[in-house]
Amino acid sequence: MQSFARSLSLTFKSALHSSALFCLLLPLGLSLGGCAAIERAQMRPTEVHYLANTTERFAPKPTDYDMPIVAQPPRKGRAIGSFKFTTTQGRAFIMKSALYNGRRVGADVIFVRHIQEWSEPYAYDIPAHWETRWQTRHERYLVRIKGPNGTPDSVREEVRPVSVQRMEWVSLQHVSGFHHYASMDAEMYRLQ
């Protein structure tokens, strides 16, 4: 009987220890899974830039598949689709989106025909105009507190925040800078 109680106690302690470890590792696992979900959500809009060359469907590659990106088309392969994409989010984003789409359609290799980065200047004027601005200020109020059972009323001062709308004249503004672009023209290949 005593050995049964001891084994039950040890089992309970190990279960308690493993559940504590689980509780410590759960937030880490959820945060890593959340990062992958966020990245997929960022890449999903790039799916519309993939154009299939064939009606044949291929099984998608796993997300950890190390897909080669080559500068020459593979000799023993066939093109299954093309990916043409321009973005303002930079070269790293365009490479990630090509890999995401290649894995998604089941490609073995990505052949990059052309990749380019450039900047275009912009300049425009915002005409003079009135703008509505909200401002919070603190106002003092006197509050009367009724006295209990015939005692005199008391007066107390309170400070309350009050939002006030005001109109402000904004003069002519000149805005200028550069838009930065990255563009890719690639083909997805299946090796034979």
N, C-alpha and C. Protein backbone atom coordinates (compact mmCIF):
# COMPACT_ATOMS: atom_id res chain seq x y z
N MET A 1 0.82 -1.20 0.00
CA MET A 1 0.00 0.00 0.00
C MET A 1 0.86 1.25 0.00
N GLN A 2 1.95 1.20 0.77
CA GLN A 2 2.83 2.36 0.87
C GLN A 2 3.54 2.60 -0.46
N SER A 3 3.95 1.54 -1.15
CA SER A 3 4.63 1.70 -2.44
C SER A 3 3.66 2.26 -3.49
N PHE A 4 2.39 1.85 -3.42
CA PHE A 4 1.39 2.40 -4.34
C PHE A 4 1.21 3.90 -4.12
N ALA A 5 1.15 4.32 -2.86
CA ALA A 5 1.01 5.75 -2.54
C ALA A 5 2.24 6.51 -3.00
N ARG A 6 3.43 5.90 -2.82
CA ARG A 6 4.66 6.56 -3.27
C ARG A 6 4.69 6.70 -4.79
N SER A 7 4.31 5.66 -5.52
CA SER A 7 4.32 5.73 -6.98
C SER A 7 3.26 6.73 -7.47
N LEU A 8 2.11 6.77 -6.79
CA LEU A 8 1.09 7.75 -7.14
C LEU A 8 1.60 9.17 -6.91
N SER A 9 2.31 9.37 -5.83
CA SER A 9 2.88 10.68 -5.52
C SER A 9 3.92 11.07 -6.56
N LEU A 10 4.79 10.13 -6.95
CA LEU A 10 5.80 10.42 -7.98
C LEU A 10 5.15 10.70 -9.32
N THR A 11 4.11 9.94 -9.67
CA THR A 11 3.40 10.18 -10.93
C THR A 11 2.77 11.57 -10.92
N PHE A 12 2.16 11.94 -9.80
CA PHE A 12 1.54 13.26 -9.70
C PHE A 12 2.59 14.37 -9.82
N LYS A 13 3.76 14.19 -9.17
CA LYS A 13 4.82 15.19 -9.25
C LYS A 13 5.35 15.33 -10.66
N SER A 14 5.55 14.20 -11.36
CA SER A 14 6.07 14.28 -12.73
C SER A 14 5.03 14.91 -13.65
N ALA A 15 3.75 14.61 -13.42
CA ALA A 15 2.70 15.24 -14.22
C ALA A 15 2.65 16.73 -13.95
N LEU A 16 2.80 17.11 -12.70
CA LEU A 16 2.82 18.53 -12.34
C LEU A 16 4.02 19.22 -12.97
N HIS A 17 5.18 18.57 -12.94
CA HIS A 17 6.39 19.14 -13.53
C HIS A 17 6.22 19.29 -15.05
N SER A 18 5.69 18.25 -15.72
CA SER A 18 5.52 18.33 -17.17
C SER A 18 4.47 19.37 -17.56
N SER A 19 3.42 19.52 -16.74
CA SER A 19 2.42 20.55 -17.05
C SER A 19 3.00 21.95 -16.85
N ALA A 20 3.87 22.10 -15.85
CA ALA A 20 4.53 23.41 -15.65
C ALA A 20 5.45 23.70 -16.83
N LEU A 21 6.17 22.68 -17.29
CA LEU A 21 7.04 22.86 -18.46
C LEU A 21 6.21 23.18 -19.69
N PHE A 22 5.06 22.51 -19.83
CA PHE A 22 4.16 22.78 -20.94
C PHE A 22 3.68 24.23 -20.91
N CYS A 23 3.32 24.71 -19.71
CA CYS A 23 2.84 26.09 -19.57
C CYS A 23 3.94 27.09 -19.89
N LEU A 24 5.19 26.72 -19.62
CA LEU A 24 6.29 27.62 -19.96
C LEU A 24 6.58 27.63 -21.46
N LEU A 25 6.45 26.48 -22.12
CA LEU A 25 6.77 26.38 -23.54
C LEU A 25 5.61 26.76 -24.45
N LEU A 26 4.39 26.75 -23.94
CA LEU A 26 3.22 27.07 -24.76
C LEU A 26 3.30 28.47 -25.38
N PRO A 27 3.60 29.53 -24.61
CA PRO A 27 3.68 30.86 -25.24
C PRO A 27 4.74 30.95 -26.32
N LEU A 28 5.87 30.26 -26.13
CA LEU A 28 6.91 30.26 -27.14
C LEU A 28 6.42 29.61 -28.42
N GLY A 29 5.76 28.47 -28.30
CA GLY A 29 5.22 27.78 -29.47
C GLY A 29 4.16 28.61 -30.17
N LEU A 30 3.30 29.24 -29.40
CA LEU A 30 2.26 30.07 -30.01
C LEU A 30 2.85 31.28 -30.72
N SER A 31 3.89 31.87 -30.15
CA SER A 31 4.48 33.05 -30.79
C SER A 31 5.18 32.66 -32.09
N LEU A 32 5.84 31.50 -32.12
CA LEU A 32 6.49 31.07 -33.35
C LEU A 32 5.45 30.70 -34.40
N GLY A 33 4.39 30.06 -33.99
CA GLY A 33 3.32 29.74 -34.93
C GLY A 33 2.64 31.00 -35.42
N GLY A 34 2.53 32.00 -34.58
CA GLY A 34 1.93 33.28 -34.97
C GLY A 34 2.76 33.99 -36.00
N CYS A 35 4.10 33.91 -35.87
CA CYS A 35 4.98 34.56 -36.84
C CYS A 35 4.81 33.93 -38.22
N ALA A 36 4.69 32.60 -38.26
CA ALA A 36 4.50 31.92 -39.54
C ALA A 36 3.16 32.31 -40.15
N ALA A 37 2.14 32.44 -39.33
CA ALA A 37 0.82 32.83 -39.84
C ALA A 37 0.83 34.25 -40.36
N ILE A 38 1.56 35.13 -39.68
CA ILE A 38 1.66 36.52 -40.15
C ILE A 38 2.38 36.57 -41.48
N GLU A 39 3.46 35.79 -41.61
CA GLU A 39 4.20 35.79 -42.87
C GLU A 39 3.34 35.24 -44.01
N ARG A 40 2.58 34.17 -43.75
CA ARG A 40 1.68 33.64 -44.78
C ARG A 40 0.65 34.67 -45.18
N ALA A 41 0.12 35.41 -44.21
CA ALA A 41 -0.87 36.44 -44.51
C ALA A 41 -0.27 37.55 -45.36
N GLN A 42 1.01 37.88 -45.14
CA GLN A 42 1.67 38.90 -45.96
C GLN A 42 1.91 38.39 -47.37
N MET A 43 2.20 37.10 -47.52
CA MET A 43 2.52 36.54 -48.83
C MET A 43 1.29 36.20 -49.66
N ARG A 44 0.17 35.93 -49.01
CA ARG A 44 -1.03 35.50 -49.73
C ARG A 44 -1.46 36.45 -50.85
N PRO A 45 -1.39 37.79 -50.68
CA PRO A 45 -1.78 38.66 -51.80
C PRO A 45 -0.87 38.54 -53.02
N THR A 46 0.34 38.00 -52.87
CA THR A 46 1.23 37.86 -54.02
C THR A 46 0.85 36.68 -54.91
N GLU A 47 -0.08 35.83 -54.47
CA GLU A 47 -0.50 34.67 -55.26
C GLU A 47 -1.10 35.07 -56.59
N VAL A 48 -1.69 36.26 -56.69
CA VAL A 48 -2.33 36.68 -57.93
C VAL A 48 -1.31 37.01 -59.02
N HIS A 49 -0.03 37.13 -58.66
CA HIS A 49 1.00 37.45 -59.65
C HIS A 49 1.62 36.20 -60.27
N TYR A 50 1.16 35.03 -59.86
CA TYR A 50 1.62 33.77 -60.45
C TYR A 50 0.64 33.38 -61.55
N LEU A 51 1.18 33.03 -62.73
CA LEU A 51 0.37 32.61 -63.86
C LEU A 51 0.82 31.23 -64.29
N ALA A 52 -0.07 30.24 -64.21
CA ALA A 52 0.28 28.85 -64.54
C ALA A 52 0.36 28.67 -66.05
N ASN A 53 1.33 27.86 -66.50
CA ASN A 53 1.46 27.53 -67.92
C ASN A 53 0.72 26.25 -68.26
N THR A 54 0.36 25.48 -67.27
CA THR A 54 -0.26 24.19 -67.48
C THR A 54 -1.46 24.03 -66.55
N THR A 55 -2.36 23.14 -66.93
CA THR A 55 -3.52 22.87 -66.07
C THR A 55 -3.21 21.79 -65.05
N GLU A 56 -2.05 21.16 -65.20
CA GLU A 56 -1.65 20.11 -64.27
C GLU A 56 -1.32 20.72 -62.91
N ARG A 57 -1.75 20.07 -61.84
CA ARG A 57 -1.50 20.54 -60.47
C ARG A 57 -0.45 19.64 -59.83
N PHE A 58 0.37 20.25 -58.98
CA PHE A 58 1.42 19.52 -58.28
C PHE A 58 1.24 19.72 -56.78
N ALA A 59 1.71 18.75 -56.03
CA ALA A 59 1.60 18.83 -54.56
C ALA A 59 2.51 19.95 -54.07
N PRO A 60 2.02 20.76 -53.13
CA PRO A 60 2.87 21.85 -52.61
C PRO A 60 4.06 21.29 -51.83
N LYS A 61 5.14 22.04 -51.84
CA LYS A 61 6.35 21.67 -51.10
C LYS A 61 6.19 22.10 -49.65
N PRO A 62 6.88 21.43 -48.73
CA PRO A 62 6.82 21.88 -47.33
C PRO A 62 7.44 23.26 -47.16
N THR A 63 7.04 23.95 -46.10
CA THR A 63 7.51 25.33 -45.89
C THR A 63 9.00 25.41 -45.61
N ASP A 64 9.62 24.30 -45.21
CA ASP A 64 11.07 24.33 -44.96
C ASP A 64 11.87 23.79 -46.15
N TYR A 65 11.22 23.56 -47.30
CA TYR A 65 11.90 23.08 -48.50
C TYR A 65 12.87 24.16 -48.98
N ASP A 66 14.14 23.78 -49.14
CA ASP A 66 15.18 24.71 -49.56
C ASP A 66 15.18 24.76 -51.10
N MET A 67 14.42 25.68 -51.65
CA MET A 67 14.25 25.77 -53.09
C MET A 67 15.39 26.56 -53.73
N PRO A 68 16.08 25.96 -54.72
CA PRO A 68 17.15 26.70 -55.38
C PRO A 68 16.61 27.78 -56.31
N ILE A 69 17.33 28.90 -56.34
CA ILE A 69 17.02 29.99 -57.27
C ILE A 69 18.20 30.08 -58.22
N VAL A 70 17.94 29.91 -59.51
CA VAL A 70 19.02 29.82 -60.50
C VAL A 70 18.92 30.96 -61.51
N ALA A 71 20.07 31.24 -62.18
CA ALA A 71 20.13 32.29 -63.18
C ALA A 71 19.99 31.75 -64.60
N GLN A 72 20.09 30.43 -64.77
CA GLN A 72 19.91 29.78 -66.07
C GLN A 72 18.78 28.76 -65.94
N PRO A 73 17.95 28.59 -66.98
CA PRO A 73 16.88 27.59 -66.88
C PRO A 73 17.47 26.19 -66.79
N PRO A 74 16.89 25.32 -65.97
CA PRO A 74 17.41 23.95 -65.85
C PRO A 74 17.22 23.18 -67.15
N ARG A 75 18.22 22.34 -67.49
CA ARG A 75 18.16 21.58 -68.76
C ARG A 75 17.10 20.50 -68.73
N LYS A 76 16.99 19.81 -67.61
CA LYS A 76 16.03 18.71 -67.51
C LYS A 76 14.84 19.16 -66.68
N GLY A 77 14.08 20.05 -67.21
CA GLY A 77 12.92 20.55 -66.49
C GLY A 77 11.95 21.23 -67.44
N ARG A 78 10.76 21.48 -66.94
CA ARG A 78 9.77 22.20 -67.75
C ARG A 78 9.13 23.28 -66.91
N ALA A 79 8.83 24.39 -67.58
CA ALA A 79 8.22 25.53 -66.90
C ALA A 79 6.76 25.22 -66.61
N ILE A 80 6.35 25.44 -65.36
CA ILE A 80 4.95 25.21 -64.99
C ILE A 80 4.21 26.52 -64.76
N GLY A 81 4.93 27.64 -64.70
CA GLY A 81 4.27 28.93 -64.50
C GLY A 81 5.27 30.05 -64.39
N SER A 82 4.76 31.27 -64.46
CA SER A 82 5.63 32.44 -64.35
C SER A 82 5.15 33.32 -63.19
N PHE A 83 6.10 34.08 -62.66
CA PHE A 83 5.84 34.96 -61.52
C PHE A 83 6.44 36.32 -61.85
N LYS A 84 5.58 37.30 -62.08
CA LYS A 84 6.01 38.67 -62.37
C LYS A 84 5.39 39.57 -61.31
N PHE A 85 6.27 40.32 -60.60
CA PHE A 85 5.80 41.03 -59.43
C PHE A 85 6.63 42.29 -59.23
N THR A 86 5.97 43.39 -58.90
CA THR A 86 6.62 44.66 -58.55
C THR A 86 6.07 45.10 -57.21
N THR A 87 6.97 45.57 -56.33
CA THR A 87 6.56 45.96 -54.99
C THR A 87 7.37 47.16 -54.51
N THR A 88 6.87 47.80 -53.49
CA THR A 88 7.62 48.88 -52.83
C THR A 88 8.23 48.39 -51.52
N GLN A 89 8.13 47.09 -51.24
CA GLN A 89 8.60 46.54 -49.97
C GLN A 89 10.03 46.01 -50.03
N GLY A 90 10.68 46.13 -51.15
CA GLY A 90 12.10 45.79 -51.22
C GLY A 90 12.41 44.42 -51.78
N ARG A 91 13.71 44.21 -52.01
CA ARG A 91 14.21 42.99 -52.64
C ARG A 91 13.99 41.76 -51.75
N ALA A 92 14.16 41.87 -50.45
CA ALA A 92 13.98 40.72 -49.56
C ALA A 92 12.54 40.21 -49.63
N PHE A 93 11.58 41.12 -49.67
CA PHE A 93 10.17 40.71 -49.74
C PHE A 93 9.87 40.02 -51.07
N ILE A 94 10.45 40.53 -52.14
CA ILE A 94 10.18 39.94 -53.45
C ILE A 94 10.77 38.53 -53.53
N MET A 95 11.92 38.30 -52.89
CA MET A 95 12.52 36.96 -52.89
C MET A 95 11.67 36.00 -52.04
N LYS A 96 11.21 36.48 -50.88
CA LYS A 96 10.36 35.64 -50.03
C LYS A 96 9.06 35.28 -50.75
N SER A 97 8.49 36.23 -51.47
CA SER A 97 7.23 35.95 -52.16
C SER A 97 7.44 34.97 -53.31
N ALA A 98 8.59 35.03 -53.99
CA ALA A 98 8.88 34.05 -55.05
C ALA A 98 9.02 32.65 -54.45
N LEU A 99 9.74 32.53 -53.34
CA LEU A 99 9.89 31.23 -52.67
C LEU A 99 8.54 30.71 -52.18
N TYR A 100 7.73 31.59 -51.60
CA TYR A 100 6.40 31.19 -51.11
C TYR A 100 5.56 30.64 -52.26
N ASN A 101 5.53 31.36 -53.39
CA ASN A 101 4.71 30.91 -54.52
C ASN A 101 5.28 29.66 -55.16
N GLY A 102 6.61 29.53 -55.21
CA GLY A 102 7.22 28.31 -55.75
C GLY A 102 6.85 27.09 -54.92
N ARG A 103 6.93 27.21 -53.60
CA ARG A 103 6.54 26.10 -52.72
C ARG A 103 5.05 25.80 -52.85
N ARG A 104 4.27 26.85 -52.96
CA ARG A 104 2.81 26.70 -53.02
C ARG A 104 2.37 25.91 -54.24
N VAL A 105 3.02 26.14 -55.41
CA VAL A 105 2.60 25.48 -56.65
C VAL A 105 3.36 24.18 -56.91
N GLY A 106 4.31 23.83 -56.02
CA GLY A 106 5.02 22.57 -56.15
C GLY A 106 6.20 22.62 -57.10
N ALA A 107 6.80 23.79 -57.29
CA ALA A 107 7.97 23.90 -58.17
C ALA A 107 9.20 23.32 -57.49
N ASP A 108 10.15 22.86 -58.33
CA ASP A 108 11.42 22.34 -57.81
C ASP A 108 12.51 23.40 -57.85
N VAL A 109 12.46 24.29 -58.84
CA VAL A 109 13.50 25.30 -59.05
C VAL A 109 12.83 26.59 -59.50
N ILE A 110 13.41 27.73 -59.10
CA ILE A 110 12.94 29.03 -59.59
C ILE A 110 14.03 29.61 -60.48
N PHE A 111 13.69 29.89 -61.72
CA PHE A 111 14.62 30.52 -62.66
C PHE A 111 14.27 32.01 -62.73
N VAL A 112 15.20 32.86 -62.31
CA VAL A 112 14.97 34.31 -62.31
C VAL A 112 15.51 34.88 -63.61
N ARG A 113 14.61 35.36 -64.44
CA ARG A 113 15.02 36.00 -65.70
C ARG A 113 15.57 37.39 -65.47
N HIS A 114 14.86 38.13 -64.60
CA HIS A 114 15.22 39.53 -64.42
C HIS A 114 14.78 39.98 -63.04
N ILE A 115 15.67 40.69 -62.37
CA ILE A 115 15.32 41.32 -61.10
C ILE A 115 15.92 42.72 -61.12
N GLN A 116 15.15 43.69 -60.66
CA GLN A 116 15.58 45.09 -60.79
C GLN A 116 15.07 45.89 -59.60
N GLU A 117 15.85 46.89 -59.21
CA GLU A 117 15.46 47.85 -58.18
C GLU A 117 15.66 49.25 -58.74
N TRP A 118 14.72 50.15 -58.46
CA TRP A 118 14.86 51.53 -58.91
C TRP A 118 14.06 52.46 -58.01
N SER A 119 14.32 53.74 -58.16
CA SER A 119 13.60 54.76 -57.39
C SER A 119 13.03 55.79 -58.34
N GLU A 120 11.88 56.31 -58.00
CA GLU A 120 11.25 57.36 -58.79
C GLU A 120 10.92 58.54 -57.88
N PRO A 121 11.30 59.74 -58.30
CA PRO A 121 11.00 60.90 -57.45
C PRO A 121 9.52 61.25 -57.52
N TYR A 122 9.03 61.86 -56.46
CA TYR A 122 7.67 62.39 -56.46
C TYR A 122 7.71 63.76 -55.81
N ALA A 123 6.81 64.60 -56.24
CA ALA A 123 6.67 65.94 -55.65
C ALA A 123 5.25 66.40 -55.90
N TYR A 124 4.63 66.94 -54.87
CA TYR A 124 3.29 67.51 -55.03
C TYR A 124 3.08 68.57 -53.96
N ASP A 125 2.09 69.41 -54.21
CA ASP A 125 1.73 70.48 -53.28
C ASP A 125 0.39 70.18 -52.64
N ILE A 126 0.30 70.43 -51.36
CA ILE A 126 -0.97 70.35 -50.64
C ILE A 126 -1.43 71.79 -50.49
N PRO A 127 -2.55 72.15 -51.11
CA PRO A 127 -2.98 73.55 -51.04
C PRO A 127 -3.32 73.97 -49.60
N ALA A 128 -3.30 75.28 -49.39
CA ALA A 128 -3.66 75.82 -48.08
C ALA A 128 -5.12 75.46 -47.77
N HIS A 129 -5.38 75.14 -46.50
CA HIS A 129 -6.73 74.70 -46.13
C HIS A 129 -6.92 74.83 -44.62
N TRP A 130 -8.19 74.68 -44.21
CA TRP A 130 -8.53 74.65 -42.79
C TRP A 130 -8.55 73.21 -42.33
N GLU A 131 -8.00 72.95 -41.14
CA GLU A 131 -8.04 71.62 -40.55
C GLU A 131 -8.71 71.69 -39.19
N THR A 132 -9.49 70.66 -38.89
CA THR A 132 -10.12 70.56 -37.59
C THR A 132 -9.18 69.82 -36.65
N ARG A 133 -8.89 70.42 -35.53
CA ARG A 133 -8.02 69.81 -34.53
C ARG A 133 -8.80 69.68 -33.23
N TRP A 134 -8.60 68.59 -32.55
CA TRP A 134 -9.20 68.39 -31.25
C TRP A 134 -8.17 68.65 -30.18
N GLN A 135 -8.58 69.36 -29.16
CA GLN A 135 -7.68 69.71 -28.08
C GLN A 135 -8.38 69.39 -26.77
N THR A 136 -7.65 68.84 -25.83
CA THR A 136 -8.21 68.54 -24.51
C THR A 136 -7.64 69.54 -23.51
N ARG A 137 -8.54 70.16 -22.80
CA ARG A 137 -8.09 71.05 -21.73
C ARG A 137 -8.83 70.68 -20.46
N HIS A 138 -8.30 71.11 -19.34
CA HIS A 138 -8.89 70.77 -18.04
C HIS A 138 -9.58 72.01 -17.48
N GLU A 139 -10.85 71.84 -17.12
CA GLU A 139 -11.63 72.94 -16.56
C GLU A 139 -12.03 72.60 -15.13
N ARG A 140 -12.10 73.65 -14.31
CA ARG A 140 -12.49 73.47 -12.90
C ARG A 140 -13.99 73.68 -12.76
N TYR A 141 -14.59 72.80 -11.99
CA TYR A 141 -16.02 72.89 -11.72
C TYR A 141 -16.24 72.86 -10.21
N LEU A 142 -17.28 73.56 -9.77
CA LEU A 142 -17.69 73.48 -8.36
C LEU A 142 -18.84 72.49 -8.29
N VAL A 143 -18.71 71.53 -7.40
CA VAL A 143 -19.72 70.49 -7.25
C VAL A 143 -20.32 70.62 -5.85
N ARG A 144 -21.66 70.70 -5.79
CA ARG A 144 -22.35 70.80 -4.51
C ARG A 144 -22.72 69.41 -4.04
N ILE A 145 -22.36 69.10 -2.81
CA ILE A 145 -22.66 67.79 -2.22
C ILE A 145 -23.68 68.02 -1.11
N LYS A 146 -24.84 67.39 -1.26
CA LYS A 146 -25.93 67.57 -0.30
C LYS A 146 -25.53 66.95 1.03
N GLY A 147 -25.72 67.66 2.06
CA GLY A 147 -25.38 67.20 3.41
C GLY A 147 -26.41 66.20 3.92
N PRO A 148 -25.99 65.21 4.71
CA PRO A 148 -26.92 64.21 5.22
C PRO A 148 -27.74 64.75 6.39
N ASN A 149 -29.03 64.49 6.36
CA ASN A 149 -29.97 64.76 7.46
C ASN A 149 -29.81 66.13 8.11
N GLY A 150 -30.03 67.15 7.33
CA GLY A 150 -30.06 68.49 7.90
C GLY A 150 -28.73 69.17 8.06
N THR A 151 -27.64 68.53 7.76
CA THR A 151 -26.35 69.22 7.84
C THR A 151 -26.19 70.08 6.60
N PRO A 152 -25.40 71.12 6.68
CA PRO A 152 -25.27 72.01 5.53
C PRO A 152 -24.58 71.31 4.36
N ASP A 153 -24.91 71.79 3.15
CA ASP A 153 -24.28 71.27 1.93
C ASP A 153 -22.82 71.70 1.90
N SER A 154 -22.01 70.90 1.23
CA SER A 154 -20.61 71.27 1.06
C SER A 154 -20.32 71.48 -0.42
N VAL A 155 -19.30 72.24 -0.68
CA VAL A 155 -18.91 72.53 -2.06
C VAL A 155 -17.49 72.01 -2.25
N ARG A 156 -17.30 71.29 -3.38
CA ARG A 156 -15.99 70.74 -3.67
C ARG A 156 -15.61 71.11 -5.10
N GLU A 157 -14.34 71.35 -5.32
CA GLU A 157 -13.86 71.72 -6.66
C GLU A 157 -13.33 70.46 -7.35
N GLU A 158 -13.74 70.25 -8.62
CA GLU A 158 -13.27 69.12 -9.41
C GLU A 158 -12.65 69.64 -10.70
N VAL A 159 -11.69 68.90 -11.21
CA VAL A 159 -11.07 69.21 -12.50
C VAL A 159 -11.48 68.11 -13.47
N ARG A 160 -12.09 68.51 -14.58
CA ARG A 160 -12.56 67.55 -15.58
C ARG A 160 -11.93 67.86 -16.93
N PRO A 161 -11.57 66.81 -17.69
CA PRO A 161 -11.06 67.05 -19.04
C PRO A 161 -12.21 67.37 -20.00
N VAL A 162 -12.00 68.36 -20.84
CA VAL A 162 -13.02 68.77 -21.82
C VAL A 162 -12.36 68.79 -23.19
N SER A 163 -12.96 68.09 -24.17
CA SER A 163 -12.45 68.10 -25.54
C SER A 163 -13.07 69.27 -26.28
N VAL A 164 -12.21 70.03 -26.94
CA VAL A 164 -12.65 71.21 -27.66
C VAL A 164 -12.18 71.10 -29.11
N GLN A 165 -13.08 71.42 -30.01
CA GLN A 165 -12.74 71.40 -31.42
C GLN A 165 -12.34 72.82 -31.84
N ARG A 166 -11.23 72.91 -32.57
CA ARG A 166 -10.83 74.22 -33.05
C ARG A 166 -10.36 74.08 -34.49
N MET A 167 -10.53 75.13 -35.24
CA MET A 167 -10.12 75.17 -36.64
C MET A 167 -8.75 75.84 -36.73
N GLU A 168 -7.87 75.25 -37.55
CA GLU A 168 -6.53 75.80 -37.70
C GLU A 168 -6.22 75.95 -39.18
N TRP A 169 -5.66 77.07 -39.56
CA TRP A 169 -5.29 77.34 -40.95
C TRP A 169 -3.92 76.72 -41.23
N VAL A 170 -3.85 75.89 -42.25
CA VAL A 170 -2.60 75.26 -42.65
C VAL A 170 -2.19 75.85 -43.99
N SER A 171 -1.01 76.42 -44.05
CA SER A 171 -0.56 77.06 -45.29
C SER A 171 -0.10 76.01 -46.30
N LEU A 172 0.20 76.45 -47.50
CA LEU A 172 0.65 75.60 -48.59
C LEU A 172 1.86 74.76 -48.15
N GLN A 173 1.80 73.45 -48.47
CA GLN A 173 2.90 72.55 -48.11
C GLN A 173 3.42 71.87 -49.37
N HIS A 174 4.73 71.76 -49.48
CA HIS A 174 5.35 71.05 -50.59
C HIS A 174 5.92 69.74 -50.06
N VAL A 175 5.55 68.62 -50.67
CA VAL A 175 5.99 67.29 -50.25
C VAL A 175 6.78 66.67 -51.40
N SER A 176 7.96 66.13 -51.10
CA SER A 176 8.75 65.47 -52.13
C SER A 176 9.58 64.35 -51.51
N GLY A 177 10.04 63.45 -52.35
CA GLY A 177 10.85 62.33 -51.90
C GLY A 177 11.01 61.32 -53.02
N PHE A 178 11.24 60.07 -52.66
CA PHE A 178 11.43 59.00 -53.64
C PHE A 178 10.59 57.80 -53.26
N HIS A 179 9.99 57.16 -54.28
CA HIS A 179 9.35 55.85 -54.13
C HIS A 179 10.38 54.82 -54.58
N HIS A 180 10.60 53.78 -53.76
CA HIS A 180 11.57 52.74 -54.09
C HIS A 180 10.82 51.49 -54.52
N TYR A 181 11.21 50.91 -55.65
CA TYR A 181 10.54 49.75 -56.22
C TYR A 181 11.52 48.60 -56.40
N ALA A 182 10.99 47.37 -56.39
CA ALA A 182 11.74 46.17 -56.74
C ALA A 182 10.83 45.33 -57.63
N SER A 183 11.41 44.75 -58.68
CA SER A 183 10.63 44.00 -59.64
C SER A 183 11.32 42.67 -59.94
N MET A 184 10.51 41.63 -60.17
CA MET A 184 11.05 40.31 -60.49
C MET A 184 10.25 39.67 -61.63
N ASP A 185 10.97 39.04 -62.53
CA ASP A 185 10.37 38.23 -63.58
C ASP A 185 10.99 36.84 -63.47
N ALA A 186 10.22 35.84 -63.08
CA ALA A 186 10.76 34.51 -62.82
C ALA A 186 9.83 33.44 -63.39
N GLU A 187 10.41 32.26 -63.57
CA GLU A 187 9.63 31.08 -63.99
C GLU A 187 9.83 29.97 -62.99
N MET A 188 8.75 29.22 -62.72
CA MET A 188 8.79 28.08 -61.82
C MET A 188 8.98 26.83 -62.68
N TYR A 189 9.91 25.97 -62.29
CA TYR A 189 10.24 24.76 -63.03
C TYR A 189 10.04 23.53 -62.19
N ARG A 190 9.58 22.47 -62.87
CA ARG A 190 9.56 21.11 -62.30
C ARG A 190 10.66 20.33 -62.99
N LEU A 191 11.49 19.65 -62.22
CA LEU A 191 12.57 18.84 -62.77
C LEU A 191 12.02 17.48 -63.19
N GLN A 192 12.60 16.95 -64.27
CA GLN A 192 12.14 15.64 -64.78
C GLN A 192 13.17 14.57 -64.55
